[in-house]
Amino acid sequence: MIRDVPAMICTHCGEDFISDATARELDRIRNTGFAGGASDDQICMPVFKY
């Protein structure tokens, strides 16, 4: 999970979306395997079977 991703909200329909630059940065973070080691936080979340 990546927290605090900058997103925008459409004033007409309320849909949220991210800029191309943000999408590229998320790809970069994902492709480097979250380099830098330690995460900022951890969560425990339930997992349900379909």
C-alpha atoms as a PDB file:
ATOM      1  CA  MET A   1       0.000   0.000   0.000  1.00  0.00           C
ATOM      2  CA  ILE A   2       1.207   3.484  -0.774  1.00  0.00           C
ATOM      3  CA  ARG A   3      -0.333   6.178   1.371  1.00  0.00           C
ATOM      4  CA  ASP A   4      -0.868   9.883   0.594  1.00  0.00           C
ATOM      5  CA  VAL A   5      -0.876   9.563  -3.204  1.00  0.00           C
ATOM      6  CA  PRO A   6      -1.824  12.967  -4.624  1.00  0.00           C
ATOM      7  CA  ALA A   7      -5.128  12.629  -6.457  1.00  0.00           C
ATOM      8  CA  MET A   8      -7.607  14.979  -8.049  1.00  0.00           C
ATOM      9  CA  ILE A   9     -11.403  14.797  -8.010  1.00  0.00           C
ATOM     10  CA  CYS A  10     -13.602  15.614 -10.992  1.00  0.00           C
ATOM     11  CA  THR A  11     -15.964  18.477 -10.138  1.00  0.00           C
ATOM     12  CA  HIS A  12     -18.611  17.065 -12.480  1.00  0.00           C
ATOM     13  CA  CYS A  13     -18.826  13.385 -11.557  1.00  0.00           C
ATOM     14  CA  GLY A  14     -16.772  13.079  -8.355  1.00  0.00           C
ATOM     15  CA  GLU A  15     -14.405  10.464  -9.792  1.00  0.00           C
ATOM     16  CA  ASP A  16     -10.891  10.576  -8.416  1.00  0.00           C
ATOM     17  CA  PHE A  17      -7.852  10.283 -10.673  1.00  0.00           C
ATOM     18  CA  ILE A  18      -4.090  10.805 -10.657  1.00  0.00           C
ATOM     19  CA  SER A  19      -1.864  12.795 -12.982  1.00  0.00           C
ATOM     20  CA  ASP A  20       0.469  11.173 -15.500  1.00  0.00           C
ATOM     21  CA  ALA A  21       3.441  12.299 -13.407  1.00  0.00           C
ATOM     22  CA  THR A  22       2.002  10.613 -10.305  1.00  0.00           C
ATOM     23  CA  ALA A  23       1.341   7.411 -12.272  1.00  0.00           C
ATOM     24  CA  ARG A  24       4.951   7.420 -13.508  1.00  0.00           C
ATOM     25  CA  GLU A  25       6.246   7.907  -9.958  1.00  0.00           C
ATOM     26  CA  LEU A  26       4.095   5.030  -8.682  1.00  0.00           C
ATOM     27  CA  ASP A  27       5.484   2.842 -11.492  1.00  0.00           C
ATOM     28  CA  ARG A  28       9.022   3.871 -10.557  1.00  0.00           C
ATOM     29  CA  ILE A  29       8.434   3.025  -6.890  1.00  0.00           C
ATOM     30  CA  ARG A  30       6.882  -0.323  -7.791  1.00  0.00           C
ATOM     31  CA  ASN A  31       9.597  -1.238 -10.298  1.00  0.00           C
ATOM     32  CA  THR A  32      12.425  -0.589  -7.836  1.00  0.00           C
ATOM     33  CA  GLY A  33      10.915  -3.027  -5.351  1.00  0.00           C
ATOM     34  CA  PHE A  34      10.320  -0.290  -2.792  1.00  0.00           C
ATOM     35  CA  ALA A  35      14.035   0.339  -2.448  1.00  0.00           C
ATOM     36  CA  GLY A  36      15.196   1.954   0.737  1.00  0.00           C
ATOM     37  CA  GLY A  37      14.170  -0.857   3.014  1.00  0.00           C
ATOM     38  CA  ALA A  38      11.939   0.164   5.848  1.00  0.00           C
ATOM     39  CA  SER A  39       8.333   1.055   5.390  1.00  0.00           C
ATOM     40  CA  ASP A  40       6.760   4.067   7.076  1.00  0.00           C
ATOM     41  CA  ASP A  41       4.078   1.978   8.737  1.00  0.00           C
ATOM     42  CA  GLN A  42       2.481  -1.463   8.761  1.00  0.00           C
ATOM     43  CA  ILE A  43      -1.140  -2.550   8.842  1.00  0.00           C
ATOM     44  CA  CYS A  44      -2.972  -5.774   9.428  1.00  0.00           C
ATOM     45  CA  MET A  45      -5.952  -6.293   7.175  1.00  0.00           C
ATOM     46  CA  PRO A  46      -8.444  -9.092   6.734  1.00  0.00           C
ATOM     47  CA  VAL A  47      -8.312 -11.203   3.582  1.00  0.00           C
ATOM     48  CA  PHE A  48     -11.486 -12.786   2.285  1.00  0.00           C
ATOM     49  CA  LYS A  49     -11.841 -15.644  -0.146  1.00  0.00           C
ATOM     50  CA  TYR A  50     -14.059 -15.059  -3.161  1.00  0.00           C
END
